[in-house]
Amino acid sequence: CREAGPAAPGRKRMDYAGRSLRGQSLCGRDMSMALLIAADLRDCNLYGANLCGADLRDCDLRGADLHEACFLTQGQLAAAKGDKTTRLPPRLRRPAGWEG
């Protein structure tokens, strides 16, 4: 992943709160600082997606491929929902409260 540069002046924070993006390819998408609260990202491919500062509270990540997502943190995962089919980067742990 490339390093994230400063946000463009006047750039609006993307709001996907409560939206279904299920099964979509979000490869390389800049989702930095996005509101993804309770969004449905089940089975999404997030290869190279920039998740720096994204709010993943109650975001459904079951079956999502995050193994090459950029700037994903353990805290973001702890706030989200996932299961044994969620692919994570090797440096991060599956939260204890996740299904399966």
C-alpha atoms as a PDB file:
ATOM      1  CA  CYS A   1       0.000   0.000   0.000  1.00  0.00           C
ATOM      2  CA  ARG A   2       1.108   3.487  -0.695  1.00  0.00           C
ATOM      3  CA  GLU A   3       1.311   5.989   2.112  1.00  0.00           C
ATOM      4  CA  ALA A   4      -1.738   8.153   2.584  1.00  0.00           C
ATOM      5  CA  GLY A   5      -1.242  11.792   1.787  1.00  0.00           C
ATOM      6  CA  PRO A   6      -3.089  14.655   3.414  1.00  0.00           C
ATOM      7  CA  ALA A   7      -6.797  14.874   2.717  1.00  0.00           C
ATOM      8  CA  ALA A   8      -7.739  17.306  -0.007  1.00  0.00           C
ATOM      9  CA  PRO A   9      -8.985  20.636   1.351  1.00  0.00           C
ATOM     10  CA  GLY A  10     -12.760  20.704   1.521  1.00  0.00           C
ATOM     11  CA  ARG A  11     -13.046  16.973   0.922  1.00  0.00           C
ATOM     12  CA  LYS A  12     -16.286  15.643   2.346  1.00  0.00           C
ATOM     13  CA  ARG A  13     -16.296  12.630   4.620  1.00  0.00           C
ATOM     14  CA  MET A  14     -17.935   9.747   2.748  1.00  0.00           C
ATOM     15  CA  ASP A  15     -21.058   8.502   4.481  1.00  0.00           C
ATOM     16  CA  TYR A  16     -21.961   4.847   3.968  1.00  0.00           C
ATOM     17  CA  ALA A  17     -23.611   4.474   7.383  1.00  0.00           C
ATOM     18  CA  GLY A  18     -26.247   1.747   7.260  1.00  0.00           C
ATOM     19  CA  ARG A  19     -25.791   1.162   3.525  1.00  0.00           C
ATOM     20  CA  SER A  20     -25.409  -2.201   1.848  1.00  0.00           C
ATOM     21  CA  LEU A  21     -22.277  -2.611  -0.248  1.00  0.00           C
ATOM     22  CA  ARG A  22     -22.488  -6.390   0.033  1.00  0.00           C
ATOM     23  CA  GLY A  23     -20.357  -8.325  -2.426  1.00  0.00           C
ATOM     24  CA  GLN A  24     -18.918  -5.259  -4.142  1.00  0.00           C
ATOM     25  CA  SER A  25     -15.325  -4.899  -5.209  1.00  0.00           C
ATOM     26  CA  LEU A  26     -13.897  -1.964  -3.287  1.00  0.00           C
ATOM     27  CA  CYS A  27     -10.328  -2.613  -4.441  1.00  0.00           C
ATOM     28  CA  GLY A  28      -8.097   0.422  -4.156  1.00  0.00           C
ATOM     29  CA  ARG A  29     -10.969   2.638  -2.994  1.00  0.00           C
ATOM     30  CA  ASP A  30     -10.033   5.575  -0.776  1.00  0.00           C
ATOM     31  CA  MET A  31     -12.341   5.093   2.196  1.00  0.00           C
ATOM     32  CA  SER A  32     -10.176   7.066   4.603  1.00  0.00           C
ATOM     33  CA  MET A  33     -12.260   8.743   7.304  1.00  0.00           C
ATOM     34  CA  ALA A  34     -15.452   7.212   5.823  1.00  0.00           C
ATOM     35  CA  LEU A  35     -18.481   6.647   8.016  1.00  0.00           C
ATOM     36  CA  LEU A  36     -19.188   2.921   7.701  1.00  0.00           C
ATOM     37  CA  ILE A  37     -21.252   2.599  10.884  1.00  0.00           C
ATOM     38  CA  ALA A  38     -23.534  -0.470  10.560  1.00  0.00           C
ATOM     39  CA  ALA A  39     -22.717  -0.748   6.843  1.00  0.00           C
ATOM     40  CA  ASP A  40     -23.006  -4.172   5.194  1.00  0.00           C
ATOM     41  CA  LEU A  41     -19.627  -5.062   3.688  1.00  0.00           C
ATOM     42  CA  ARG A  42     -20.201  -8.814   3.704  1.00  0.00           C
ATOM     43  CA  ASP A  43     -18.198 -10.596   1.003  1.00  0.00           C
ATOM     44  CA  CYS A  44     -16.563  -7.351  -0.210  1.00  0.00           C
ATOM     45  CA  ASN A  45     -13.074  -7.341  -1.672  1.00  0.00           C
ATOM     46  CA  LEU A  46     -11.100  -4.522  -0.036  1.00  0.00           C
ATOM     47  CA  TYR A  47      -7.712  -5.263  -1.623  1.00  0.00           C
ATOM     48  CA  GLY A  48      -5.646  -2.086  -1.351  1.00  0.00           C
ATOM     49  CA  ALA A  49      -8.555  -0.056   0.058  1.00  0.00           C
ATOM     50  CA  ASN A  50      -7.437   2.822   2.292  1.00  0.00           C
ATOM     51  CA  LEU A  51      -9.292   2.482   5.612  1.00  0.00           C
ATOM     52  CA  CYS A  52      -7.263   5.078   7.514  1.00  0.00           C
ATOM     53  CA  GLY A  53      -9.544   6.503  10.205  1.00  0.00           C
ATOM     54  CA  ALA A  54     -12.681   4.828   8.787  1.00  0.00           C
ATOM     55  CA  ASP A  55     -15.421   4.364  11.395  1.00  0.00           C
ATOM     56  CA  LEU A  56     -16.251   0.646  11.325  1.00  0.00           C
ATOM     57  CA  ARG A  57     -18.524   0.495  14.398  1.00  0.00           C
ATOM     58  CA  ASP A  58     -21.028  -2.356  13.882  1.00  0.00           C
ATOM     59  CA  CYS A  59     -19.896  -2.688  10.255  1.00  0.00           C
ATOM     60  CA  ASP A  60     -20.599  -6.240   9.012  1.00  0.00           C
ATOM     61  CA  LEU A  61     -17.351  -7.665   7.639  1.00  0.00           C
ATOM     62  CA  ARG A  62     -18.368 -11.337   7.484  1.00  0.00           C
ATOM     63  CA  GLY A  63     -16.706 -12.934   4.478  1.00  0.00           C
ATOM     64  CA  ALA A  64     -14.916  -9.703   3.525  1.00  0.00           C
ATOM     65  CA  ASP A  65     -11.355  -9.838   2.219  1.00  0.00           C
ATOM     66  CA  LEU A  66      -9.287  -7.352   4.225  1.00  0.00           C
ATOM     67  CA  HIS A  67      -5.945  -9.156   4.013  1.00  0.00           C
ATOM     68  CA  GLU A  68      -4.408  -6.398   1.850  1.00  0.00           C
ATOM     69  CA  ALA A  69      -6.438  -3.417   3.122  1.00  0.00           C
ATOM     70  CA  CYS A  70      -4.325  -0.375   3.979  1.00  0.00           C
ATOM     71  CA  PHE A  71      -4.161   1.312   7.382  1.00  0.00           C
ATOM     72  CA  LEU A  72      -6.621  -1.089   9.055  1.00  0.00           C
ATOM     73  CA  THR A  73      -6.185  -1.217  12.834  1.00  0.00           C
ATOM     74  CA  GLN A  74      -7.000  -3.676  15.587  1.00  0.00           C
ATOM     75  CA  GLY A  75      -9.337  -1.099  17.141  1.00  0.00           C
ATOM     76  CA  GLN A  76     -11.346  -0.822  13.929  1.00  0.00           C
ATOM     77  CA  LEU A  77     -11.752  -4.603  13.841  1.00  0.00           C
ATOM     78  CA  ALA A  78     -12.805  -4.713  17.503  1.00  0.00           C
ATOM     79  CA  ALA A  79     -15.615  -2.246  16.734  1.00  0.00           C
ATOM     80  CA  ALA A  80     -16.840  -4.227  13.700  1.00  0.00           C
ATOM     81  CA  LYS A  81     -18.599  -7.576  13.236  1.00  0.00           C
ATOM     82  CA  GLY A  82     -16.903 -10.465  11.488  1.00  0.00           C
ATOM     83  CA  ASP A  83     -16.451 -14.218  11.515  1.00  0.00           C
ATOM     84  CA  LYS A  84     -14.006 -16.967  10.597  1.00  0.00           C
ATOM     85  CA  THR A  85     -14.500 -16.249   6.875  1.00  0.00           C
ATOM     86  CA  THR A  86     -13.265 -12.645   7.178  1.00  0.00           C
ATOM     87  CA  ARG A  87      -9.733 -12.501   5.732  1.00  0.00           C
ATOM     88  CA  LEU A  88      -7.432 -10.349   7.861  1.00  0.00           C
ATOM     89  CA  PRO A  89      -3.914  -9.016   7.399  1.00  0.00           C
ATOM     90  CA  PRO A  90      -1.400 -11.318   9.129  1.00  0.00           C
ATOM     91  CA  ARG A  91      -0.421  -8.561  11.590  1.00  0.00           C
ATOM     92  CA  LEU A  92      -3.952  -8.302  13.032  1.00  0.00           C
ATOM     93  CA  ARG A  93      -5.891 -10.709  15.293  1.00  0.00           C
ATOM     94  CA  ARG A  94      -9.465 -11.858  14.919  1.00  0.00           C
ATOM     95  CA  PRO A  95     -11.425 -10.193  17.768  1.00  0.00           C
ATOM     96  CA  ALA A  96     -12.661 -12.601  20.446  1.00  0.00           C
ATOM     97  CA  GLY A  97     -16.308 -11.562  20.040  1.00  0.00           C
ATOM     98  CA  TRP A  98     -16.505 -12.412  16.354  1.00  0.00           C
ATOM     99  CA  GLU A  99     -18.708 -15.325  15.249  1.00  0.00           C
ATOM    100  CA  GLY A 100     -17.129 -18.671  14.538  1.00  0.00           C
END
